[in-house]
Amino acid sequence: MTRSTRFITILWPAFLMAGVLEMLVFVVVDPNEFQWFGGPLIGWSPRAIYSVTFLIFWSVIATSSALTALLWSTIGEDAS
């Protein structure tokens, strides 16, 4: 598997799941009332909050997928 194919197989499903997670979170959370650990309101626009949280979700899910791919390839090399 080429490096670009591996990146696509990790990033594309992570992108889709980050979108699903974003929808699920913001059905419950109002971005206009977003606070940092009970402190004052952040004061960002809803679009900025949506963007930052999406990128956080995407990076966490992609990291999880990349670790799974790394462990899977390591297991495959040991079995050979």
PDB file of N, CA and C in Angstrom:
ATOM      1  N   MET A   1       0.851  -1.175   0.000  1.00  0.00           N
ATOM      2  CA  MET A   1       0.000   0.000   0.000  1.00  0.00           C
ATOM      3  C   MET A   1       0.895   1.236   0.000  1.00  0.00           C
ATOM      4  N   THR A   2       0.621   2.163  -0.898  1.00  0.00           N
ATOM      5  CA  THR A   2       1.435   3.374  -0.976  1.00  0.00           C
ATOM      6  C   THR A   2       1.126   4.298   0.202  1.00  0.00           C
ATOM      7  N   ARG A   3       2.034   5.203   0.434  1.00  0.00           N
ATOM      8  CA  ARG A   3       1.875   6.141   1.552  1.00  0.00           C
ATOM      9  C   ARG A   3       0.624   7.010   1.378  1.00  0.00           C
ATOM     10  N   SER A   4       0.364   7.505   0.163  1.00  0.00           N
ATOM     11  CA  SER A   4      -0.814   8.353  -0.044  1.00  0.00           C
ATOM     12  C   SER A   4      -2.105   7.559   0.136  1.00  0.00           C
ATOM     13  N   THR A   5      -2.106   6.311  -0.287  1.00  0.00           N
ATOM     14  CA  THR A   5      -3.290   5.469  -0.089  1.00  0.00           C
ATOM     15  C   THR A   5      -3.526   5.225   1.395  1.00  0.00           C
ATOM     16  N   ARG A   6      -2.462   5.014   2.136  1.00  0.00           N
ATOM     17  CA  ARG A   6      -2.597   4.814   3.589  1.00  0.00           C
ATOM     18  C   ARG A   6      -3.143   6.073   4.258  1.00  0.00           C
ATOM     19  N   PHE A   7      -2.657   7.255   3.852  1.00  0.00           N
ATOM     20  CA  PHE A   7      -3.178   8.499   4.417  1.00  0.00           C
ATOM     21  C   PHE A   7      -4.661   8.667   4.124  1.00  0.00           C
ATOM     22  N   ILE A   8      -5.054   8.374   2.894  1.00  0.00           N
ATOM     23  CA  ILE A   8      -6.465   8.514   2.517  1.00  0.00           C
ATOM     24  C   ILE A   8      -7.334   7.539   3.304  1.00  0.00           C
ATOM     25  N   THR A   9      -6.871   6.297   3.459  1.00  0.00           N
ATOM     26  CA  THR A   9      -7.677   5.311   4.184  1.00  0.00           C
ATOM     27  C   THR A   9      -7.774   5.624   5.670  1.00  0.00           C
ATOM     28  N   ILE A  10      -6.890   6.447   6.188  1.00  0.00           N
ATOM     29  CA  ILE A  10      -6.975   6.877   7.583  1.00  0.00           C
ATOM     30  C   ILE A  10      -7.773   8.174   7.702  1.00  0.00           C
ATOM     31  N   LEU A  11      -7.476   9.157   6.847  1.00  0.00           N
ATOM     32  CA  LEU A  11      -8.074  10.484   7.008  1.00  0.00           C
ATOM     33  C   LEU A  11      -9.529  10.582   6.541  1.00  0.00           C
ATOM     34  N   TRP A  12      -9.893   9.870   5.481  1.00  0.00           N
ATOM     35  CA  TRP A  12     -11.256  10.011   4.962  1.00  0.00           C
ATOM     36  C   TRP A  12     -12.306   9.475   5.935  1.00  0.00           C
ATOM     37  N   PRO A  13     -12.181   8.244   6.462  1.00  0.00           N
ATOM     38  CA  PRO A  13     -13.170   7.805   7.457  1.00  0.00           C
ATOM     39  C   PRO A  13     -13.150   8.666   8.723  1.00  0.00           C
ATOM     40  N   ALA A  14     -11.967   9.142   9.112  1.00  0.00           N
ATOM     41  CA  ALA A  14     -11.884  10.022  10.280  1.00  0.00           C
ATOM     42  C   ALA A  14     -12.626  11.325  10.022  1.00  0.00           C
ATOM     43  N   PHE A  15     -12.534  11.849   8.804  1.00  0.00           N
ATOM     44  CA  PHE A  15     -13.252  13.062   8.426  1.00  0.00           C
ATOM     45  C   PHE A  15     -14.764  12.848   8.536  1.00  0.00           C
ATOM     46  N   LEU A  16     -15.237  11.726   8.013  1.00  0.00           N
ATOM     47  CA  LEU A  16     -16.669  11.435   8.058  1.00  0.00           C
ATOM     48  C   LEU A  16     -17.156  11.281   9.496  1.00  0.00           C
ATOM     49  N   MET A  17     -16.415  10.563  10.317  1.00  0.00           N
ATOM     50  CA  MET A  17     -16.824  10.356  11.705  1.00  0.00           C
ATOM     51  C   MET A  17     -16.725  11.639  12.527  1.00  0.00           C
ATOM     52  N   ALA A  18     -15.768  12.501  12.206  1.00  0.00           N
ATOM     53  CA  ALA A  18     -15.679  13.798  12.888  1.00  0.00           C
ATOM     54  C   ALA A  18     -16.915  14.634  12.576  1.00  0.00           C
ATOM     55  N   GLY A  19     -17.400  14.542  11.346  1.00  0.00           N
ATOM     56  CA  GLY A  19     -18.629  15.248  10.982  1.00  0.00           C
ATOM     57  C   GLY A  19     -19.830  14.722  11.751  1.00  0.00           C
ATOM     58  N   VAL A  20     -19.914  13.408  11.891  1.00  0.00           N
ATOM     59  CA  VAL A  20     -21.013  12.807  12.661  1.00  0.00           C
ATOM     60  C   VAL A  20     -20.920  13.220  14.129  1.00  0.00           C
ATOM     61  N   LEU A  21     -19.724  13.149  14.696  1.00  0.00           N
ATOM     62  CA  LEU A  21     -19.533  13.538  16.094  1.00  0.00           C
ATOM     63  C   LEU A  21     -19.854  15.015  16.301  1.00  0.00           C
ATOM     64  N   GLU A  22     -19.474  15.841  15.349  1.00  0.00           N
ATOM     65  CA  GLU A  22     -19.777  17.279  15.418  1.00  0.00           C
ATOM     66  C   GLU A  22     -21.287  17.504  15.487  1.00  0.00           C
ATOM     67  N   MET A  23     -22.025  16.798  14.639  1.00  0.00           N
ATOM     68  CA  MET A  23     -23.487  16.940  14.650  1.00  0.00           C
ATOM     69  C   MET A  23     -24.070  16.472  15.976  1.00  0.00           C
ATOM     70  N   LEU A  24     -23.595  15.348  16.485  1.00  0.00           N
ATOM     71  CA  LEU A  24     -24.126  14.826  17.742  1.00  0.00           C
ATOM     72  C   LEU A  24     -23.831  15.761  18.916  1.00  0.00           C
ATOM     73  N   VAL A  25     -22.643  16.323  18.954  1.00  0.00           N
ATOM     74  CA  VAL A  25     -22.283  17.217  20.058  1.00  0.00           C
ATOM     75  C   VAL A  25     -23.090  18.504  19.993  1.00  0.00           C
ATOM     76  N   PHE A  26     -23.219  19.089  18.822  1.00  0.00           N
ATOM     77  CA  PHE A  26     -23.869  20.391  18.742  1.00  0.00           C
ATOM     78  C   PHE A  26     -25.390  20.310  18.645  1.00  0.00           C
ATOM     79  N   VAL A  27     -25.939  19.121  18.701  1.00  0.00           N
ATOM     80  CA  VAL A  27     -27.370  18.990  18.933  1.00  0.00           C
ATOM     81  C   VAL A  27     -27.646  19.307  20.402  1.00  0.00           C
ATOM     82  N   VAL A  28     -26.677  19.013  21.267  1.00  0.00           N
ATOM     83  CA  VAL A  28     -26.833  19.191  22.711  1.00  0.00           C
ATOM     84  C   VAL A  28     -26.213  20.503  23.202  1.00  0.00           C
ATOM     85  N   VAL A  29     -25.104  20.917  22.616  1.00  0.00           N
ATOM     86  CA  VAL A  29     -24.339  22.074  23.084  1.00  0.00           C
ATOM     87  C   VAL A  29     -24.631  23.282  22.194  1.00  0.00           C
ATOM     88  N   ASP A  30     -24.913  24.408  22.833  1.00  0.00           N
ATOM     89  CA  ASP A  30     -25.120  25.655  22.100  1.00  0.00           C
ATOM     90  C   ASP A  30     -23.786  26.399  22.004  1.00  0.00           C
ATOM     91  N   PRO A  31     -23.284  26.653  20.788  1.00  0.00           N
ATOM     92  CA  PRO A  31     -21.972  27.315  20.673  1.00  0.00           C
ATOM     93  C   PRO A  31     -21.969  28.750  21.195  1.00  0.00           C
ATOM     94  N   ASN A  32     -23.136  29.381  21.309  1.00  0.00           N
ATOM     95  CA  ASN A  32     -23.187  30.739  21.850  1.00  0.00           C
ATOM     96  C   ASN A  32     -23.010  30.762  23.362  1.00  0.00           C
ATOM     97  N   GLU A  33     -23.141  29.622  24.013  1.00  0.00           N
ATOM     98  CA  GLU A  33     -22.990  29.537  25.469  1.00  0.00           C
ATOM     99  C   GLU A  33     -21.786  28.666  25.840  1.00  0.00           C
ATOM    100  N   PHE A  34     -20.799  28.608  24.972  1.00  0.00           N
ATOM    101  CA  PHE A  34     -19.636  27.746  25.171  1.00  0.00           C
ATOM    102  C   PHE A  34     -18.694  28.381  26.176  1.00  0.00           C
ATOM    103  N   GLN A  35     -18.369  27.633  27.241  1.00  0.00           N
ATOM    104  CA  GLN A  35     -17.462  28.101  28.287  1.00  0.00           C
ATOM    105  C   GLN A  35     -16.291  27.146  28.401  1.00  0.00           C
ATOM    106  N   TRP A  36     -15.168  27.643  28.881  1.00  0.00           N
ATOM    107  CA  TRP A  36     -13.993  26.803  29.070  1.00  0.00           C
ATOM    108  C   TRP A  36     -13.952  26.367  30.527  1.00  0.00           C
ATOM    109  N   PHE A  37     -14.370  25.143  30.802  1.00  0.00           N
ATOM    110  CA  PHE A  37     -14.386  24.544  32.137  1.00  0.00           C
ATOM    111  C   PHE A  37     -15.096  25.421  33.161  1.00  0.00           C
ATOM    112  N   GLY A  38     -16.286  25.910  32.816  1.00  0.00           N
ATOM    113  CA  GLY A  38     -17.109  26.668  33.748  1.00  0.00           C
ATOM    114  C   GLY A  38     -16.713  28.114  33.922  1.00  0.00           C
ATOM    115  N   GLY A  39     -15.725  28.582  33.197  1.00  0.00           N
ATOM    116  CA  GLY A  39     -15.280  29.970  33.298  1.00  0.00           C
ATOM    117  C   GLY A  39     -16.169  30.890  32.479  1.00  0.00           C
ATOM    118  N   PRO A  40     -15.641  32.046  32.105  1.00  0.00           N
ATOM    119  CA  PRO A  40     -16.437  32.979  31.302  1.00  0.00           C
ATOM    120  C   PRO A  40     -16.648  32.433  29.886  1.00  0.00           C
ATOM    121  N   LEU A  41     -17.619  33.016  29.194  1.00  0.00           N
ATOM    122  CA  LEU A  41     -17.888  32.619  27.810  1.00  0.00           C
ATOM    123  C   LEU A  41     -16.650  32.848  26.956  1.00  0.00           C
ATOM    124  N   ILE A  42     -16.441  31.965  26.000  1.00  0.00           N
ATOM    125  CA  ILE A  42     -15.264  32.076  25.134  1.00  0.00           C
ATOM    126  C   ILE A  42     -15.356  33.331  24.270  1.00  0.00           C
ATOM    127  N   GLY A  43     -16.514  33.614  23.742  1.00  0.00           N
ATOM    128  CA  GLY A  43     -16.697  34.824  22.942  1.00  0.00           C
ATOM    129  C   GLY A  43     -16.347  34.661  21.483  1.00  0.00           C
ATOM    130  N   TRP A  44     -16.159  33.437  21.022  1.00  0.00           N
ATOM    131  CA  TRP A  44     -15.888  33.192  19.609  1.00  0.00           C
ATOM    132  C   TRP A  44     -17.192  33.115  18.850  1.00  0.00           C
ATOM    133  N   SER A  45     -17.115  33.302  17.559  1.00  0.00           N
ATOM    134  CA  SER A  45     -18.301  33.126  16.723  1.00  0.00           C
ATOM    135  C   SER A  45     -18.641  31.643  16.649  1.00  0.00           C
ATOM    136  N   PRO A  46     -19.910  31.318  16.432  1.00  0.00           N
ATOM    137  CA  PRO A  46     -20.277  29.898  16.304  1.00  0.00           C
ATOM    138  C   PRO A  46     -19.491  29.189  15.205  1.00  0.00           C
ATOM    139  N   ARG A  47     -19.218  29.860  14.093  1.00  0.00           N
ATOM    140  CA  ARG A  47     -18.454  29.236  13.010  1.00  0.00           C
ATOM    141  C   ARG A  47     -17.047  28.869  13.466  1.00  0.00           C
ATOM    142  N   ALA A  48     -16.411  29.726  14.260  1.00  0.00           N
ATOM    143  CA  ALA A  48     -15.072  29.427  14.775  1.00  0.00           C
ATOM    144  C   ALA A  48     -15.112  28.242  15.728  1.00  0.00           C
ATOM    145  N   ILE A  49     -16.121  28.173  16.574  1.00  0.00           N
ATOM    146  CA  ILE A  49     -16.256  27.056  17.502  1.00  0.00           C
ATOM    147  C   ILE A  49     -16.499  25.763  16.743  1.00  0.00           C
ATOM    148  N   TYR A  50     -17.382  25.795  15.745  1.00  0.00           N
ATOM    149  CA  TYR A  50     -17.629  24.605  14.926  1.00  0.00           C
ATOM    150  C   TYR A  50     -16.340  24.145  14.239  1.00  0.00           C
ATOM    151  N   SER A  51     -15.582  25.083  13.699  1.00  0.00           N
ATOM    152  CA  SER A  51     -14.360  24.739  12.964  1.00  0.00           C
ATOM    153  C   SER A  51     -13.301  24.142  13.872  1.00  0.00           C
ATOM    154  N   VAL A  52     -13.060  24.770  15.004  1.00  0.00           N
ATOM    155  CA  VAL A  52     -12.023  24.287  15.917  1.00  0.00           C
ATOM    156  C   VAL A  52     -12.397  22.927  16.484  1.00  0.00           C
ATOM    157  N   THR A  53     -13.649  22.766  16.906  1.00  0.00           N
ATOM    158  CA  THR A  53     -14.039  21.464  17.454  1.00  0.00           C
ATOM    159  C   THR A  53     -13.997  20.384  16.383  1.00  0.00           C
ATOM    160  N   PHE A  54     -14.370  20.708  15.139  1.00  0.00           N
ATOM    161  CA  PHE A  54     -14.281  19.715  14.073  1.00  0.00           C
ATOM    162  C   PHE A  54     -12.832  19.278  13.867  1.00  0.00           C
ATOM    163  N   LEU A  55     -11.913  20.230  13.842  1.00  0.00           N
ATOM    164  CA  LEU A  55     -10.507  19.884  13.656  1.00  0.00           C
ATOM    165  C   LEU A  55      -9.959  19.062  14.822  1.00  0.00           C
ATOM    166  N   ILE A  56     -10.407  19.360  16.037  1.00  0.00           N
ATOM    167  CA  ILE A  56     -10.000  18.563  17.193  1.00  0.00           C
ATOM    168  C   ILE A  56     -10.538  17.146  17.070  1.00  0.00           C
ATOM    169  N   PHE A  57     -11.830  17.013  16.747  1.00  0.00           N
ATOM    170  CA  PHE A  57     -12.428  15.689  16.586  1.00  0.00           C
ATOM    171  C   PHE A  57     -11.718  14.909  15.485  1.00  0.00           C
ATOM    172  N   TRP A  58     -11.468  15.577  14.360  1.00  0.00           N
ATOM    173  CA  TRP A  58     -10.827  14.918  13.219  1.00  0.00           C
ATOM    174  C   TRP A  58      -9.428  14.428  13.582  1.00  0.00           C
ATOM    175  N   SER A  59      -8.667  15.271  14.277  1.00  0.00           N
ATOM    176  CA  SER A  59      -7.305  14.875  14.629  1.00  0.00           C
ATOM    177  C   SER A  59      -7.286  13.726  15.636  1.00  0.00           C
ATOM    178  N   VAL A  60      -8.201  13.725  16.595  1.00  0.00           N
ATOM    179  CA  VAL A  60      -8.243  12.641  17.575  1.00  0.00           C
ATOM    180  C   VAL A  60      -8.647  11.330  16.906  1.00  0.00           C
ATOM    181  N   ILE A  61      -9.661  11.367  16.058  1.00  0.00           N
ATOM    182  CA  ILE A  61     -10.111  10.145  15.382  1.00  0.00           C
ATOM    183  C   ILE A  61      -9.048   9.662  14.397  1.00  0.00           C
ATOM    184  N   ALA A  62      -8.408  10.575  13.683  1.00  0.00           N
ATOM    185  CA  ALA A  62      -7.350  10.187  12.744  1.00  0.00           C
ATOM    186  C   ALA A  62      -6.161   9.585  13.485  1.00  0.00           C
ATOM    187  N   THR A  63      -5.815  10.121  14.642  1.00  0.00           N
ATOM    188  CA  THR A  63      -4.725   9.556  15.436  1.00  0.00           C
ATOM    189  C   THR A  63      -5.059   8.146  15.881  1.00  0.00           C
ATOM    190  N   SER A  64      -6.290   7.953  16.311  1.00  0.00           N
ATOM    191  CA  SER A  64      -6.725   6.608  16.701  1.00  0.00           C
ATOM    192  C   SER A  64      -6.648   5.640  15.525  1.00  0.00           C
ATOM    193  N   SER A  65      -7.106   6.082  14.370  1.00  0.00           N
ATOM    194  CA  SER A  65      -7.059   5.234  13.178  1.00  0.00           C
ATOM    195  C   SER A  65      -5.622   4.947  12.755  1.00  0.00           C
ATOM    196  N   ALA A  66      -4.752   5.945  12.845  1.00  0.00           N
ATOM    197  CA  ALA A  66      -3.352   5.747  12.473  1.00  0.00           C
ATOM    198  C   ALA A  66      -2.666   4.759  13.421  1.00  0.00           C
ATOM    199  N   LEU A  67      -2.969   4.853  14.703  1.00  0.00           N
ATOM    200  CA  LEU A  67      -2.403   3.896  15.649  1.00  0.00           C
ATOM    201  C   LEU A  67      -2.909   2.485  15.380  1.00  0.00           C
ATOM    202  N   THR A  68      -4.178   2.358  15.034  1.00  0.00           N
ATOM    203  CA  THR A  68      -4.724   1.052  14.676  1.00  0.00           C
ATOM    204  C   THR A  68      -4.031   0.501  13.441  1.00  0.00           C
ATOM    205  N   ALA A  69      -3.833   1.340  12.423  1.00  0.00           N
ATOM    206  CA  ALA A  69      -3.148   0.900  11.206  1.00  0.00           C
ATOM    207  C   ALA A  69      -1.705   0.499  11.502  1.00  0.00           C
ATOM    208  N   LEU A  70      -1.043   1.257  12.367  1.00  0.00           N
ATOM    209  CA  LEU A  70       0.336   0.928  12.739  1.00  0.00           C
ATOM    210  C   LEU A  70       0.401  -0.412  13.460  1.00  0.00           C
ATOM    211  N   LEU A  71      -0.481  -0.611  14.416  1.00  0.00           N
ATOM    212  CA  LEU A  71      -0.493  -1.881  15.144  1.00  0.00           C
ATOM    213  C   LEU A  71      -0.873  -3.034  14.231  1.00  0.00           C
ATOM    214  N   TRP A  72      -1.806  -2.799  13.326  1.00  0.00           N
ATOM    215  CA  TRP A  72      -2.221  -3.853  12.402  1.00  0.00           C
ATOM    216  C   TRP A  72      -1.071  -4.255  11.479  1.00  0.00           C
ATOM    217  N   SER A  73      -0.326  -3.268  10.981  1.00  0.00           N
ATOM    218  CA  SER A  73       0.804  -3.596  10.103  1.00  0.00           C
ATOM    219  C   SER A  73       1.904  -4.300  10.876  1.00  0.00           C
ATOM    220  N   THR A  74       2.086  -3.951  12.135  1.00  0.00           N
ATOM    221  CA  THR A  74       3.093  -4.622  12.958  1.00  0.00           C
ATOM    222  C   THR A  74       2.693  -6.074  13.208  1.00  0.00           C
ATOM    223  N   ILE A  75       1.429  -6.328  13.451  1.00  0.00           N
ATOM    224  CA  ILE A  75       0.941  -7.698  13.652  1.00  0.00           C
ATOM    225  C   ILE A  75       1.109  -8.494  12.362  1.00  0.00           C
ATOM    226  N   GLY A  76       0.815  -7.876  11.228  1.00  0.00           N
ATOM    227  CA  GLY A  76       0.956  -8.546   9.936  1.00  0.00           C
ATOM    228  C   GLY A  76       2.403  -8.928   9.634  1.00  0.00           C
ATOM    229  N   GLU A  77       3.360  -8.094  10.037  1.00  0.00           N
ATOM    230  CA  GLU A  77       4.770  -8.407   9.812  1.00  0.00           C
ATOM    231  C   GLU A  77       5.233  -9.551  10.705  1.00  0.00           C
ATOM    232  N   ASP A  78       4.705  -9.644  11.923  1.00  0.00           N
ATOM    233  CA  ASP A  78       5.097 -10.731  12.835  1.00  0.00           C
ATOM    234  C   ASP A  78       4.553 -12.066  12.378  1.00  0.00           C
ATOM    235  N   ALA A  79       3.376 -12.042  11.725  1.00  0.00           N
ATOM    236  CA  ALA A  79       2.745 -13.300  11.288  1.00  0.00           C
ATOM    237  C   ALA A  79       3.455 -13.897  10.080  1.00  0.00           C
ATOM    238  N   SER A  80       4.191 -13.074   9.326  1.00  0.00           N
ATOM    239  CA  SER A  80       4.860 -13.567   8.103  1.00  0.00           C
ATOM    240  C   SER A  80       6.051 -14.420   8.413  1.00  0.00           C
TER     241      SER A  80
END
